[in-house]
Amino acid sequence: MTHSDPPHPDRKEPKRTPRFNALVVLLIVALFGIAGTYVWMHWSADEDDAAEIFADNPVQPAQLPAPDQDTLSPEGREAAGQAPPDR
């Protein structure tokens, strides 16, 4: 357990306790947190979010190729072990 230093006879000011020091540190951290939140909220308020950006442009479903259509590239056919197409 930490004890505060005994008061010096030549000094009249009160000694700081560890509890007071912890309170000061906690207050500083809280002020930085509040200031950071305030700055973040005002900085990001100007940004468009994804809902606003894509409201007028909905995502279209993917167009799947026909089952009989060849979808592999020549390199893909070679990797799959299929014969290269006739040229």
Protein backbone atom coordinates (compact mmCIF):
# COMPACT_ATOMS: atom_id res chain seq x y z
CA MET A 1 0.00 0.00 0.00
CA THR A 2 1.33 3.40 -0.93
CA HIS A 3 1.31 6.13 1.67
CA SER A 4 1.64 9.80 0.98
CA ASP A 5 4.80 11.54 2.10
CA PRO A 6 4.65 13.15 5.50
CA PRO A 7 4.26 16.91 5.30
CA HIS A 8 7.45 18.90 5.47
CA PRO A 9 7.63 21.44 8.24
CA ASP A 10 8.91 24.19 5.91
CA ARG A 11 6.11 23.77 3.32
CA LYS A 12 2.55 24.80 3.99
CA GLU A 13 0.84 23.35 0.88
CA PRO A 14 -1.17 20.14 1.19
CA LYS A 15 0.28 16.93 -0.25
CA ARG A 16 -1.31 15.25 -3.23
CA THR A 17 -2.68 11.82 -2.50
CA PRO A 18 -2.55 8.91 -4.96
CA ARG A 19 -6.34 9.08 -5.17
CA PHE A 20 -6.15 12.71 -6.28
CA ASN A 21 -3.48 11.86 -8.87
CA ALA A 22 -5.65 9.03 -10.23
CA LEU A 23 -8.61 11.39 -10.43
CA VAL A 24 -6.57 13.93 -12.41
CA VAL A 25 -5.38 11.25 -14.86
CA LEU A 26 -8.93 9.91 -15.23
CA LEU A 27 -10.24 13.42 -15.86
CA ILE A 28 -7.60 14.04 -18.56
CA VAL A 29 -8.39 10.73 -20.28
CA ALA A 30 -12.12 11.49 -20.14
CA LEU A 31 -11.59 14.94 -21.66
CA PHE A 32 -9.56 13.46 -24.51
CA GLY A 33 -12.29 10.87 -25.08
CA ILE A 34 -15.03 13.48 -25.15
CA ALA A 35 -13.02 15.77 -27.45
CA GLY A 36 -12.18 12.87 -29.76
CA THR A 37 -15.81 11.80 -29.96
CA TYR A 38 -16.90 15.38 -30.68
CA VAL A 39 -14.32 15.79 -33.47
CA TRP A 40 -15.14 12.36 -34.95
CA MET A 41 -18.88 13.04 -35.01
CA HIS A 42 -18.47 16.42 -36.74
CA TRP A 43 -15.82 15.13 -39.14
CA SER A 44 -17.84 12.11 -40.22
CA ALA A 45 -21.11 14.05 -40.46
CA ASP A 46 -20.06 15.37 -43.88
CA GLU A 47 -19.26 11.90 -45.22
CA ASP A 48 -21.84 9.98 -47.24
CA ASP A 49 -22.61 6.53 -45.99
CA ALA A 50 -23.14 3.49 -48.19
CA ALA A 51 -26.93 3.71 -47.92
CA GLU A 52 -26.90 7.24 -49.35
CA ILE A 53 -24.41 6.44 -52.10
CA PHE A 54 -26.27 3.39 -53.39
CA ALA A 55 -29.84 4.58 -52.78
CA ASP A 56 -30.28 5.52 -56.44
CA ASN A 57 -28.07 2.72 -57.77
CA PRO A 58 -29.29 -0.64 -56.49
CA VAL A 59 -27.01 -3.62 -56.91
CA GLN A 60 -27.94 -5.72 -59.92
CA PRO A 61 -27.96 -9.50 -59.69
CA ALA A 62 -25.13 -11.32 -61.39
CA GLN A 63 -25.70 -12.62 -64.88
CA LEU A 64 -24.81 -16.29 -64.83
CA PRO A 65 -23.52 -17.85 -68.05
CA ALA A 66 -25.61 -20.43 -69.83
CA PRO A 67 -24.84 -24.01 -68.75
CA ASP A 68 -23.62 -24.96 -72.24
CA GLN A 69 -21.39 -21.90 -72.57
CA ASP A 70 -17.66 -22.46 -72.14
CA THR A 71 -16.62 -20.31 -69.18
CA LEU A 72 -12.98 -21.32 -68.72
CA SER A 73 -10.08 -19.44 -70.23
CA PRO A 74 -7.48 -21.46 -72.16
CA GLU A 75 -5.26 -21.39 -69.06
CA GLY A 76 -8.15 -22.55 -66.91
CA ARG A 77 -8.94 -25.44 -69.25
CA GLU A 78 -5.31 -26.49 -69.16
CA ALA A 79 -5.27 -26.34 -65.36
CA ALA A 80 -8.51 -28.35 -65.19
CA GLY A 81 -6.99 -31.03 -67.40
CA GLN A 82 -9.31 -30.40 -70.33
CA ALA A 83 -8.10 -30.33 -73.91
CA PRO A 84 -7.42 -26.86 -75.35
CA PRO A 85 -10.06 -25.69 -77.84
CA ASP A 86 -9.55 -26.19 -81.55
CA ARG A 87 -8.38 -23.07 -83.29
